C-alpha atoms as a PDB file:
ATOM      1  CA  MET A   1       3.026  34.077 -41.889  1.00  0.00           C
ATOM      2  CA  MET A   2       4.443  30.755 -40.608  1.00  0.00           C
ATOM      3  CA  ARG A   3       4.285  29.673 -37.018  1.00  0.00           C
ATOM      4  CA  SER A   4       7.392  28.353 -35.353  1.00  0.00           C
ATOM      5  CA  ALA A   5       7.684  24.660 -34.483  1.00  0.00           C
ATOM      6  CA  GLY A   6       7.545  25.506 -30.761  1.00  0.00           C
ATOM      7  CA  VAL A   7       4.221  27.325 -31.099  1.00  0.00           C
ATOM      8  CA  ARG A   8       2.741  24.508 -33.196  1.00  0.00           C
ATOM      9  CA  GLY A   9       3.864  21.975 -30.590  1.00  0.00           C
ATOM     10  CA  ALA A  10       2.308  23.989 -27.779  1.00  0.00           C
ATOM     11  CA  VAL A  11      -0.989  24.307 -29.665  1.00  0.00           C
ATOM     12  CA  LEU A  12      -1.031  20.575 -30.436  1.00  0.00           C
ATOM     13  CA  THR A  13      -0.264  19.696 -26.811  1.00  0.00           C
ATOM     14  CA  ALA A  14      -3.024  21.992 -25.549  1.00  0.00           C
ATOM     15  CA  ALA A  15      -5.485  20.394 -27.967  1.00  0.00           C
ATOM     16  CA  LEU A  16      -4.578  16.788 -27.087  1.00  0.00           C
ATOM     17  CA  LEU A  17      -4.176  17.126 -23.310  1.00  0.00           C
ATOM     18  CA  PRO A  18      -7.909  16.859 -22.477  1.00  0.00           C
ATOM     19  CA  LEU A  19      -8.182  13.730 -24.643  1.00  0.00           C
ATOM     20  CA  LEU A  20      -5.203  12.055 -22.985  1.00  0.00           C
ATOM     21  CA  THR A  21      -6.351  12.734 -19.428  1.00  0.00           C
ATOM     22  CA  ALA A  22      -9.824  11.379 -20.191  1.00  0.00           C
ATOM     23  CA  ALA A  23      -8.532   8.155 -21.758  1.00  0.00           C
ATOM     24  CA  PRO A  24     -10.005   4.996 -20.200  1.00  0.00           C
ATOM     25  CA  GLY A  25      -7.703   2.684 -18.273  1.00  0.00           C
ATOM     26  CA  CYS A  26      -5.494   5.450 -16.897  1.00  0.00           C
ATOM     27  CA  ARG A  27      -6.749   5.040 -13.341  1.00  0.00           C
ATOM     28  CA  SER A  28      -4.354   3.868 -10.634  1.00  0.00           C
ATOM     29  CA  HIS A  29      -5.495   0.984  -8.467  1.00  0.00           C
ATOM     30  CA  HIS A  30      -4.745   1.377  -4.754  1.00  0.00           C
ATOM     31  CA  MET A  31      -5.354  -0.602  -1.609  1.00  0.00           C
ATOM     32  CA  GLU A  32      -5.842   1.037   1.777  1.00  0.00           C
ATOM     33  CA  ILE A  33      -4.144  -1.009   4.513  1.00  0.00           C
ATOM     34  CA  THR A  34      -4.737  -0.597   8.243  1.00  0.00           C
ATOM     35  CA  VAL A  35      -2.581  -2.438  10.788  1.00  0.00           C
ATOM     36  CA  GLU A  36      -4.187  -2.698  14.242  1.00  0.00           C
ATOM     37  CA  ASN A  37      -2.083  -3.611  17.281  1.00  0.00           C
ATOM     38  CA  ARG A  38      -4.285  -5.882  19.419  1.00  0.00           C
ATOM     39  CA  THR A  39      -1.332  -7.688  21.060  1.00  0.00           C
ATOM     40  CA  GLY A  40      -1.888  -5.986  24.410  1.00  0.00           C
ATOM     41  CA  SER A  41       1.498  -4.217  24.388  1.00  0.00           C
ATOM     42  CA  ALA A  42       3.540  -1.884  22.224  1.00  0.00           C
ATOM     43  CA  ILE A  43       5.453  -3.329  19.274  1.00  0.00           C
ATOM     44  CA  ARG A  44       8.588  -2.158  17.465  1.00  0.00           C
ATOM     45  CA  LEU A  45       9.933  -2.372  13.930  1.00  0.00           C
ATOM     46  CA  LEU A  46       6.656  -3.078  12.153  1.00  0.00           C
ATOM     47  CA  GLU A  47       7.125  -4.049   8.498  1.00  0.00           C
ATOM     48  CA  VAL A  48       4.511  -5.041   5.931  1.00  0.00           C
ATOM     49  CA  ASP A  49       5.824  -6.567   2.693  1.00  0.00           C
ATOM     50  CA  TYR A  50       3.715  -6.712  -0.451  1.00  0.00           C
ATOM     51  CA  PRO A  51       4.522  -7.349  -4.133  1.00  0.00           C
ATOM     52  CA  SER A  52       7.359  -5.021  -5.185  1.00  0.00           C
ATOM     53  CA  ALA A  53       7.645  -2.935  -1.979  1.00  0.00           C
ATOM     54  CA  SER A  54       7.162  -2.641   1.776  1.00  0.00           C
ATOM     55  CA  PHE A  55       6.197  -0.093   4.418  1.00  0.00           C
ATOM     56  CA  GLY A  56       6.328   0.103   8.185  1.00  0.00           C
ATOM     57  CA  ALA A  57       6.684   2.045  11.391  1.00  0.00           C
ATOM     58  CA  ASP A  58       9.312   2.287  14.123  1.00  0.00           C
ATOM     59  CA  SER A  59       6.709   1.510  16.775  1.00  0.00           C
ATOM     60  CA  LEU A  60       2.992   1.042  17.306  1.00  0.00           C
ATOM     61  CA  ALA A  61       1.355   1.474  20.700  1.00  0.00           C
ATOM     62  CA  ALA A  62      -1.005  -1.118  22.163  1.00  0.00           C
ATOM     63  CA  GLY A  63      -4.422  -0.482  20.631  1.00  0.00           C
ATOM     64  CA  GLY A  64      -2.855   1.756  17.968  1.00  0.00           C
ATOM     65  CA  GLU A  65      -3.499   1.766  14.240  1.00  0.00           C
ATOM     66  CA  PHE A  66      -1.236   2.476  11.292  1.00  0.00           C
ATOM     67  CA  HIS A  67      -2.717   3.406   7.907  1.00  0.00           C
ATOM     68  CA  TYR A  68      -0.961   3.173   4.564  1.00  0.00           C
ATOM     69  CA  ARG A  69      -1.967   3.226   0.896  1.00  0.00           C
ATOM     70  CA  ILE A  70      -0.252   0.855  -1.544  1.00  0.00           C
ATOM     71  CA  GLN A  71      -0.237   0.041  -5.224  1.00  0.00           C
ATOM     72  CA  ALA A  72       0.730  -3.562  -5.893  1.00  0.00           C
ATOM     73  CA  ARG A  73       3.050  -4.113  -8.850  1.00  0.00           C
ATOM     74  CA  GLY A  74       3.039  -7.787  -9.690  1.00  0.00           C
ATOM     75  CA  SER A  75       1.479 -10.550  -7.631  1.00  0.00           C
ATOM     76  CA  GLY A  76       2.635 -12.119  -4.385  1.00  0.00           C
ATOM     77  CA  PRO A  77       1.927 -12.670  -0.704  1.00  0.00           C
ATOM     78  CA  LEU A  78       1.327  -9.997   1.888  1.00  0.00           C
ATOM     79  CA  LYS A  79       3.578 -10.505   4.935  1.00  0.00           C
ATOM     80  CA  VAL A  80       3.745  -8.754   8.290  1.00  0.00           C
ATOM     81  CA  GLN A  81       6.575  -8.842  10.819  1.00  0.00           C
ATOM     82  CA  TYR A  82       7.384  -6.952  14.004  1.00  0.00           C
ATOM     83  CA  THR A  83       9.279  -7.176  17.274  1.00  0.00           C
ATOM     84  CA  ALA A  84       7.087  -7.905  20.305  1.00  0.00           C
ATOM     85  CA  GLU A  85       7.570  -6.323  23.723  1.00  0.00           C
ATOM     86  CA  ASP A  86       9.509  -9.409  24.890  1.00  0.00           C
ATOM     87  CA  GLY A  87      12.026  -8.872  22.035  1.00  0.00           C
ATOM     88  CA  ARG A  88      10.830 -11.826  19.970  1.00  0.00           C
ATOM     89  CA  GLN A  89      10.490 -11.421  16.222  1.00  0.00           C
ATOM     90  CA  ARG A  90       6.973 -12.237  14.981  1.00  0.00           C
ATOM     91  CA  GLN A  91       5.998 -12.944  11.393  1.00  0.00           C
ATOM     92  CA  ASP A  92       2.817 -14.041   9.646  1.00  0.00           C
ATOM     93  CA  ASN A  93       1.839 -14.504   6.007  1.00  0.00           C
ATOM     94  CA  GLY A  94      -1.373 -13.119   4.605  1.00  0.00           C
ATOM     95  CA  PRO A  95      -3.262 -13.488   1.358  1.00  0.00           C
ATOM     96  CA  VAL A  96      -1.775 -13.198  -2.112  1.00  0.00           C
ATOM     97  CA  LEU A  97      -2.261  -9.772  -3.698  1.00  0.00           C
ATOM     98  CA  ALA A  98      -2.645  -9.419  -7.458  1.00  0.00           C
ATOM     99  CA  GLU A  99      -1.476  -6.491  -9.536  1.00  0.00           C
ATOM    100  CA  GLY A 100      -4.276  -3.966  -9.954  1.00  0.00           C
ATOM    101  CA  GLU A 101      -6.146  -5.187  -6.873  1.00  0.00           C
ATOM    102  CA  GLU A 102      -7.919  -2.471  -4.938  1.00  0.00           C
ATOM    103  CA  GLY A 103     -10.011  -2.108  -1.802  1.00  0.00           C
ATOM    104  CA  ARG A 104      -9.213  -2.264   1.895  1.00  0.00           C
ATOM    105  CA  MET A 105      -7.151  -4.683   3.959  1.00  0.00           C
ATOM    106  CA  GLU A 106      -7.188  -4.777   7.737  1.00  0.00           C
ATOM    107  CA  ILE A 107      -4.367  -6.580   9.507  1.00  0.00           C
ATOM    108  CA  ALA A 108      -5.059  -7.310  13.176  1.00  0.00           C
ATOM    109  CA  LEU A 109      -1.949  -8.226  15.176  1.00  0.00           C
ATOM    110  CA  LEU A 110      -3.037 -10.583  17.964  1.00  0.00           C
ATOM    111  CA  PRO A 111      -1.401 -11.986  21.123  1.00  0.00           C
ATOM    112  CA  GLY A 112       0.997 -14.887  20.631  1.00  0.00           C
ATOM    113  CA  GLY A 113       2.350 -13.606  17.321  1.00  0.00           C
ATOM    114  CA  LYS A 114      -0.821 -14.345  15.366  1.00  0.00           C
ATOM    115  CA  ALA A 115      -2.329 -12.037  12.750  1.00  0.00           C
ATOM    116  CA  GLU A 116      -5.699 -11.873  11.015  1.00  0.00           C
ATOM    117  CA  PHE A 117      -6.112 -10.437   7.512  1.00  0.00           C
ATOM    118  CA  HIS A 118      -9.522  -9.088   6.484  1.00  0.00           C
ATOM    119  CA  SER A 119     -10.140  -7.630   3.020  1.00  0.00           C
ATOM    120  CA  ARG A 120     -13.041  -5.605   1.693  1.00  0.00           C
END
């Protein structure tokens, strides 16, 4: 008795699936980013740009934190911008991220439009 092509395909897929999921190099590299608002007042329109994408929040209270997980595609600088309580646009450039980089990055927004970038 012959099996149909569909049954053979299903059997082959079931046999190969464990091998494919265990293949080395299939792991995604992520970076956990935390933005801390240490400016002393609330901010609006927070945006963090990184290679190939960006993320942000409508607002962030004084002393507040915003957490986000990224996966860098390509290499390029990390940038942060926001609108301060006085309505002024603030922007600062951070370190260059490389594709496949992983770990943690803390961005501390400071008074006067300054920012500190700390990676682990």
